[in-house]
Amino acid sequence: MSVLLDLLHLAVGIAVVVLSVIAFLNPEEHLVFFPLIFFLAAFLTLLNAFLGFRGAGRDQRKKIASVLAAAAGILLAAVGAVSAVVLL
């Protein structure tokens, strides 16, 4: 599971960097990439929060950190949704 998660981090990280570079080089033509960047980041953050919470056991600090990560993931998803709606 750890190797799969590492590969997922690598793939999503590379995708976010490539999409960000393309989007910022010519933002008028690539506005669609902005919501995608936010949704990819939200997915990865929420996945990390879920796995962190599941693996925290009785450690309250890890649970709190996972809840905060989930809040950040929800915020990223909300920003992605707002940017997608603005593009419509």
Foldseek 3Di string as FASTA:
>chain_A
DVVVLVVLCVVLVVVLVVLVVVCVVPVVVNLVSVLVSLLSVLVNLLVVLVVQCVPCPPPVVSPVVSVVSNVVSVVSNVVSVVSVVVVD
